[in-house]
């Protein structure tokens, strides 16, 4: 799976991540399932072209995640805290261009908020 650098520009600074791209339907379906750990600045991005209203859940996902819904213009629309193995759908609430999954609680640790800008090669 291809990996790319991703940067989130917040009011308190720039936060850099190394993310895997879930580009195929199979990669998107599997996501971070069965992973037992995620490094602090590691994640996975799920691109949507055209933008779509989507829902994520945590089937077979063994670690808590922050799910960050990103609009097509790169701004963060919503950040959701997802509990491991929770099957409750977590909707984007609007059409989005990508979804970023990072380690649970990392958004709060770094001060990442809705409206922050996300840059990544796609």
N, C-alpha and C. Protein backbone atom coordinates (compact mmCIF):
# COMPACT_ATOMS: atom_id res chain seq x y z
N UNK A 1 0.85 -1.18 0.00
CA UNK A 1 0.00 0.00 0.00
C UNK A 1 0.90 1.24 0.00
N UNK A 2 0.58 2.15 -0.90
CA UNK A 2 1.38 3.38 -1.01
C UNK A 2 1.24 4.25 0.24
N UNK A 3 2.36 4.86 0.63
CA UNK A 3 2.38 5.77 1.78
C UNK A 3 2.78 7.16 1.29
N UNK A 4 2.18 8.19 1.89
CA UNK A 4 2.50 9.57 1.50
C UNK A 4 2.55 10.45 2.76
N UNK A 5 3.28 11.56 2.67
CA UNK A 5 3.24 12.52 3.79
C UNK A 5 1.92 13.29 3.76
N UNK A 6 1.43 13.63 4.95
CA UNK A 6 0.20 14.40 5.11
C UNK A 6 0.48 15.44 6.18
N UNK A 7 0.02 16.68 5.96
CA UNK A 7 0.23 17.77 6.90
C UNK A 7 -1.10 18.38 7.28
N UNK A 8 -1.29 18.61 8.58
CA UNK A 8 -2.46 19.33 9.07
C UNK A 8 -1.98 20.67 9.60
N UNK A 9 -2.56 21.75 9.08
CA UNK A 9 -2.22 23.11 9.48
C UNK A 9 -3.26 23.60 10.48
N UNK A 10 -2.84 23.71 11.76
CA UNK A 10 -3.73 24.15 12.84
C UNK A 10 -3.31 25.53 13.30
N UNK A 11 -4.14 26.16 14.11
CA UNK A 11 -3.80 27.47 14.65
C UNK A 11 -2.56 27.39 15.54
N UNK A 12 -2.29 26.21 16.12
CA UNK A 12 -1.13 26.07 17.02
C UNK A 12 0.09 25.48 16.33
N UNK A 13 0.05 25.32 14.99
CA UNK A 13 1.22 24.82 14.29
C UNK A 13 0.89 23.81 13.22
N UNK A 14 1.95 23.20 12.70
CA UNK A 14 1.86 22.23 11.62
C UNK A 14 2.12 20.84 12.18
N UNK A 15 1.28 19.88 11.81
CA UNK A 15 1.40 18.51 12.31
C UNK A 15 1.58 17.58 11.12
N UNK A 16 2.69 16.83 11.12
CA UNK A 16 3.04 15.96 10.00
C UNK A 16 2.75 14.50 10.33
N UNK A 17 2.19 13.81 9.34
CA UNK A 17 1.85 12.39 9.47
C UNK A 17 2.39 11.63 8.26
N UNK A 18 2.60 10.34 8.43
CA UNK A 18 2.93 9.41 7.36
C UNK A 18 1.72 8.49 7.23
N UNK A 19 1.03 8.56 6.09
CA UNK A 19 -0.22 7.81 5.97
C UNK A 19 -0.20 6.85 4.79
N UNK A 20 -0.88 5.73 4.98
CA UNK A 20 -1.13 4.79 3.90
C UNK A 20 -2.39 5.23 3.17
N UNK A 21 -2.40 5.06 1.85
CA UNK A 21 -3.58 5.41 1.07
C UNK A 21 -4.41 4.16 0.83
N UNK A 22 -5.65 4.19 1.31
CA UNK A 22 -6.60 3.11 1.04
C UNK A 22 -7.27 3.45 -0.29
N UNK A 23 -6.62 3.06 -1.40
CA UNK A 23 -7.05 3.50 -2.72
C UNK A 23 -8.07 2.58 -3.38
N UNK A 24 -7.99 1.29 -3.11
CA UNK A 24 -8.90 0.35 -3.76
C UNK A 24 -10.09 0.04 -2.85
N UNK A 25 -11.18 -0.46 -3.42
CA UNK A 25 -12.32 -0.85 -2.57
C UNK A 25 -11.92 -1.87 -1.49
N UNK A 26 -11.05 -2.80 -1.82
CA UNK A 26 -10.61 -3.80 -0.84
C UNK A 26 -9.82 -3.15 0.29
N UNK A 27 -8.91 -2.22 -0.07
CA UNK A 27 -8.13 -1.52 0.96
C UNK A 27 -9.04 -0.67 1.83
N UNK A 28 -10.04 -0.04 1.23
CA UNK A 28 -10.96 0.79 2.01
C UNK A 28 -11.82 -0.06 2.93
N UNK A 29 -12.21 -1.24 2.48
CA UNK A 29 -13.03 -2.11 3.32
C UNK A 29 -12.24 -2.63 4.51
N UNK A 30 -10.97 -2.93 4.31
CA UNK A 30 -10.12 -3.47 5.39
C UNK A 30 -9.62 -2.37 6.31
N UNK A 31 -9.21 -1.23 5.75
CA UNK A 31 -8.72 -0.11 6.57
C UNK A 31 -7.66 -0.53 7.56
N UNK A 32 -7.86 -0.18 8.82
CA UNK A 32 -6.90 -0.50 9.89
C UNK A 32 -7.37 -1.69 10.73
N UNK A 33 -8.23 -2.52 10.16
CA UNK A 33 -8.68 -3.72 10.89
C UNK A 33 -7.48 -4.57 11.31
N UNK A 34 -7.61 -5.16 12.47
CA UNK A 34 -6.65 -6.14 13.02
C UNK A 34 -5.31 -5.55 13.44
N UNK A 35 -5.11 -4.24 13.25
CA UNK A 35 -3.86 -3.61 13.71
C UNK A 35 -3.90 -3.54 15.23
N UNK A 36 -2.77 -3.83 15.87
CA UNK A 36 -2.70 -3.81 17.33
C UNK A 36 -2.08 -2.53 17.86
N UNK A 37 -1.48 -1.73 16.97
CA UNK A 37 -0.84 -0.48 17.38
C UNK A 37 -0.77 0.46 16.18
N UNK A 38 -0.66 1.74 16.49
CA UNK A 38 -0.50 2.78 15.48
C UNK A 38 0.46 3.80 16.07
N UNK A 39 1.51 4.14 15.35
CA UNK A 39 2.48 5.11 15.83
C UNK A 39 1.82 6.49 15.94
N UNK A 40 2.36 7.39 16.78
CA UNK A 40 1.72 8.69 17.01
C UNK A 40 1.46 9.50 15.74
N UNK A 41 2.34 9.44 14.76
CA UNK A 41 2.17 10.24 13.55
C UNK A 41 1.97 9.38 12.31
N UNK A 42 1.27 8.27 12.52
CA UNK A 42 0.96 7.34 11.45
C UNK A 42 -0.56 7.32 11.27
N UNK A 43 -1.02 6.99 10.07
CA UNK A 43 -2.45 6.90 9.84
C UNK A 43 -2.77 6.30 8.49
N UNK A 44 -4.04 6.41 8.13
CA UNK A 44 -4.52 5.92 6.84
C UNK A 44 -5.52 6.92 6.30
N UNK A 45 -5.41 7.21 4.99
CA UNK A 45 -6.35 8.13 4.34
C UNK A 45 -7.18 7.38 3.32
N UNK A 46 -8.47 7.71 3.29
CA UNK A 46 -9.44 7.10 2.39
C UNK A 46 -9.96 8.20 1.46
N UNK A 47 -9.47 8.26 0.21
CA UNK A 47 -9.92 9.32 -0.70
C UNK A 47 -11.27 8.99 -1.35
N UNK A 48 -12.06 10.01 -1.62
CA UNK A 48 -13.35 9.87 -2.30
C UNK A 48 -13.42 10.88 -3.44
N UNK A 49 -13.47 10.38 -4.68
CA UNK A 49 -13.57 11.23 -5.85
C UNK A 49 -14.58 10.61 -6.79
N UNK A 50 -15.78 11.18 -6.90
CA UNK A 50 -16.18 12.47 -6.35
C UNK A 50 -16.45 12.39 -4.85
N UNK A 51 -16.51 13.57 -4.19
CA UNK A 51 -16.83 13.58 -2.75
C UNK A 51 -18.15 12.85 -2.48
N UNK A 52 -18.22 12.25 -1.29
CA UNK A 52 -19.39 11.45 -0.93
C UNK A 52 -19.71 11.61 0.55
N UNK A 53 -20.97 11.39 0.90
CA UNK A 53 -21.37 11.31 2.30
C UNK A 53 -21.15 9.86 2.70
N UNK A 54 -20.32 9.63 3.72
CA UNK A 54 -19.93 8.27 4.11
C UNK A 54 -20.12 8.07 5.61
N UNK A 55 -20.11 6.81 6.02
CA UNK A 55 -20.10 6.44 7.43
C UNK A 55 -18.99 5.43 7.65
N UNK A 56 -18.32 5.52 8.78
CA UNK A 56 -17.29 4.56 9.17
C UNK A 56 -17.74 3.87 10.44
N UNK A 57 -17.24 2.67 10.67
CA UNK A 57 -17.46 1.93 11.91
C UNK A 57 -16.20 1.16 12.20
N UNK A 58 -16.17 0.47 13.31
CA UNK A 58 -14.91 -0.09 13.83
C UNK A 58 -14.90 -1.62 13.84
N UNK A 59 -15.60 -2.25 12.91
CA UNK A 59 -15.62 -3.71 12.83
C UNK A 59 -14.19 -4.24 12.73
N UNK A 60 -13.84 -5.16 13.61
CA UNK A 60 -12.52 -5.80 13.64
C UNK A 60 -11.36 -4.82 13.84
N UNK A 61 -11.65 -3.62 14.31
CA UNK A 61 -10.59 -2.63 14.57
C UNK A 61 -10.28 -2.68 16.06
N UNK A 62 -9.04 -3.05 16.37
CA UNK A 62 -8.65 -3.39 17.74
C UNK A 62 -8.13 -2.21 18.56
N UNK A 63 -7.97 -1.04 17.94
CA UNK A 63 -7.44 0.13 18.63
C UNK A 63 -8.39 1.32 18.43
N UNK A 64 -8.49 2.21 19.41
CA UNK A 64 -9.32 3.40 19.23
C UNK A 64 -8.70 4.33 18.19
N UNK A 65 -9.55 5.01 17.44
CA UNK A 65 -9.08 5.90 16.38
C UNK A 65 -9.79 7.25 16.45
N UNK A 66 -9.13 8.27 15.95
CA UNK A 66 -9.80 9.52 15.60
C UNK A 66 -10.09 9.42 14.12
N UNK A 67 -11.35 9.65 13.74
CA UNK A 67 -11.75 9.64 12.35
C UNK A 67 -12.00 11.09 11.95
N UNK A 68 -11.21 11.56 10.99
CA UNK A 68 -11.24 12.96 10.58
C UNK A 68 -11.82 13.04 9.17
N UNK A 69 -12.98 13.68 9.05
CA UNK A 69 -13.65 13.84 7.76
C UNK A 69 -13.17 15.15 7.13
N UNK A 70 -12.67 15.06 5.90
CA UNK A 70 -12.03 16.19 5.23
C UNK A 70 -12.83 16.56 3.98
N UNK A 71 -13.20 17.82 3.88
CA UNK A 71 -13.92 18.30 2.70
C UNK A 71 -12.99 18.28 1.48
N UNK A 72 -13.58 18.38 0.29
CA UNK A 72 -12.80 18.39 -0.95
C UNK A 72 -11.82 19.57 -0.99
N UNK A 73 -12.13 20.67 -0.30
CA UNK A 73 -11.23 21.82 -0.27
C UNK A 73 -10.10 21.68 0.76
N UNK A 74 -10.05 20.54 1.47
CA UNK A 74 -8.98 20.29 2.43
C UNK A 74 -9.29 20.68 3.86
N UNK A 75 -10.42 21.33 4.11
CA UNK A 75 -10.75 21.71 5.49
C UNK A 75 -11.40 20.55 6.23
N UNK A 76 -11.12 20.46 7.52
CA UNK A 76 -11.69 19.40 8.34
C UNK A 76 -13.14 19.72 8.65
N UNK A 77 -14.04 18.81 8.26
CA UNK A 77 -15.47 18.99 8.50
C UNK A 77 -15.88 18.48 9.87
N UNK A 78 -15.28 17.36 10.29
CA UNK A 78 -15.71 16.71 11.54
C UNK A 78 -14.62 15.79 12.05
N UNK A 79 -14.49 15.70 13.36
CA UNK A 79 -13.58 14.76 13.99
C UNK A 79 -14.40 13.90 14.94
N UNK A 80 -14.31 12.59 14.78
CA UNK A 80 -15.06 11.65 15.60
C UNK A 80 -14.10 10.75 16.36
N UNK A 81 -14.42 10.51 17.62
CA UNK A 81 -13.64 9.55 18.42
C UNK A 81 -14.32 8.19 18.29
N UNK A 82 -13.57 7.21 17.79
CA UNK A 82 -14.14 5.88 17.55
C UNK A 82 -13.54 4.87 18.52
N UNK A 83 -14.40 4.10 19.17
CA UNK A 83 -13.95 3.08 20.12
C UNK A 83 -13.71 1.77 19.40
N UNK A 84 -12.69 1.04 19.83
CA UNK A 84 -12.37 -0.23 19.21
C UNK A 84 -13.58 -1.16 19.21
N UNK A 85 -13.75 -1.88 18.11
CA UNK A 85 -14.78 -2.90 17.90
C UNK A 85 -16.22 -2.38 17.93
N UNK A 86 -16.43 -1.07 17.95
CA UNK A 86 -17.78 -0.49 17.99
C UNK A 86 -18.39 -0.51 16.59
N UNK A 87 -19.57 -1.10 16.46
CA UNK A 87 -20.22 -1.20 15.16
C UNK A 87 -21.18 -0.05 14.87
N UNK A 88 -21.22 0.96 15.75
CA UNK A 88 -22.08 2.12 15.54
C UNK A 88 -21.57 2.93 14.35
N UNK A 89 -22.42 3.19 13.34
CA UNK A 89 -21.97 4.02 12.21
C UNK A 89 -21.63 5.44 12.66
N UNK A 90 -20.54 5.96 12.14
CA UNK A 90 -20.09 7.32 12.44
C UNK A 90 -20.13 8.12 11.14
N UNK A 91 -21.22 8.85 10.88
CA UNK A 91 -21.41 9.51 9.59
C UNK A 91 -20.60 10.79 9.43
N UNK A 92 -20.26 11.08 8.16
CA UNK A 92 -19.53 12.31 7.86
C UNK A 92 -20.42 13.53 8.00
N UNK A 93 -21.71 13.38 7.76
CA UNK A 93 -22.65 14.50 7.91
C UNK A 93 -22.73 15.40 6.70
N UNK A 94 -21.82 15.24 5.75
CA UNK A 94 -21.81 16.03 4.53
C UNK A 94 -20.88 15.34 3.53
N UNK A 95 -20.94 15.70 2.25
CA UNK A 95 -20.02 15.10 1.29
C UNK A 95 -18.57 15.48 1.63
N UNK A 96 -17.70 14.50 1.62
CA UNK A 96 -16.30 14.73 1.96
C UNK A 96 -15.40 14.17 0.86
N UNK A 97 -14.19 14.71 0.79
CA UNK A 97 -13.22 14.29 -0.21
C UNK A 97 -12.27 13.22 0.28
N UNK A 98 -12.16 13.09 1.61
CA UNK A 98 -11.27 12.08 2.19
C UNK A 98 -11.60 11.89 3.67
N UNK A 99 -11.19 10.73 4.18
CA UNK A 99 -11.29 10.45 5.60
C UNK A 99 -9.90 10.04 6.07
N UNK A 100 -9.45 10.62 7.18
CA UNK A 100 -8.16 10.30 7.77
C UNK A 100 -8.40 9.60 9.09
N UNK A 101 -7.74 8.45 9.28
CA UNK A 101 -7.77 7.75 10.57
C UNK A 101 -6.40 7.86 11.21
N UNK A 102 -6.38 8.33 12.46
CA UNK A 102 -5.14 8.41 13.24
C UNK A 102 -5.40 7.81 14.62
N UNK A 103 -4.34 7.65 15.38
CA UNK A 103 -4.46 7.05 16.71
C UNK A 103 -5.46 7.80 17.57
N UNK A 104 -6.28 7.07 18.30
CA UNK A 104 -7.31 7.66 19.13
C UNK A 104 -6.75 8.66 20.13
N UNK A 105 -7.36 9.84 20.19
CA UNK A 105 -6.95 10.89 21.12
C UNK A 105 -5.87 11.80 20.58
N UNK A 106 -5.29 11.47 19.43
CA UNK A 106 -4.18 12.24 18.88
C UNK A 106 -4.62 13.65 18.46
N UNK A 107 -5.83 13.78 17.92
CA UNK A 107 -6.32 15.11 17.52
C UNK A 107 -6.35 16.05 18.71
N UNK A 108 -6.88 15.58 19.83
CA UNK A 108 -6.94 16.41 21.04
C UNK A 108 -5.53 16.72 21.55
N UNK A 109 -4.63 15.73 21.54
CA UNK A 109 -3.25 15.95 21.99
C UNK A 109 -2.59 17.07 21.20
N UNK A 110 -2.83 17.11 19.89
CA UNK A 110 -2.17 18.09 19.02
C UNK A 110 -2.96 19.38 18.84
N UNK A 111 -4.20 19.41 19.32
CA UNK A 111 -5.02 20.61 19.15
C UNK A 111 -5.61 20.73 17.76
N UNK A 112 -5.77 19.60 17.07
CA UNK A 112 -6.38 19.60 15.73
C UNK A 112 -7.88 19.78 15.90
N UNK A 113 -8.45 20.70 15.08
CA UNK A 113 -9.85 21.04 15.22
C UNK A 113 -10.55 21.11 13.86
N UNK A 114 -11.88 21.09 13.91
CA UNK A 114 -12.67 21.32 12.71
C UNK A 114 -12.27 22.67 12.11
N UNK A 115 -12.17 22.72 10.79
CA UNK A 115 -11.77 23.94 10.09
C UNK A 115 -10.29 23.98 9.76
N UNK A 116 -9.46 23.17 10.45
CA UNK A 116 -8.04 23.11 10.12
C UNK A 116 -7.89 22.58 8.70
N UNK A 117 -6.75 22.88 8.07
CA UNK A 117 -6.51 22.48 6.68
C UNK A 117 -5.60 21.26 6.61
N UNK A 118 -5.91 20.36 5.68
CA UNK A 118 -5.14 19.13 5.47
C UNK A 118 -4.56 19.15 4.07
N UNK A 119 -3.26 18.87 3.96
CA UNK A 119 -2.58 18.77 2.66
C UNK A 119 -1.97 17.39 2.54
N UNK A 120 -2.18 16.76 1.40
CA UNK A 120 -1.55 15.48 1.10
C UNK A 120 -1.54 15.28 -0.41
N UNK A 121 -0.60 14.49 -0.89
CA UNK A 121 -0.47 14.25 -2.32
C UNK A 121 -1.52 13.22 -2.76
N UNK A 122 -2.37 13.62 -3.69
CA UNK A 122 -3.38 12.70 -4.21
C UNK A 122 -3.73 13.03 -5.64
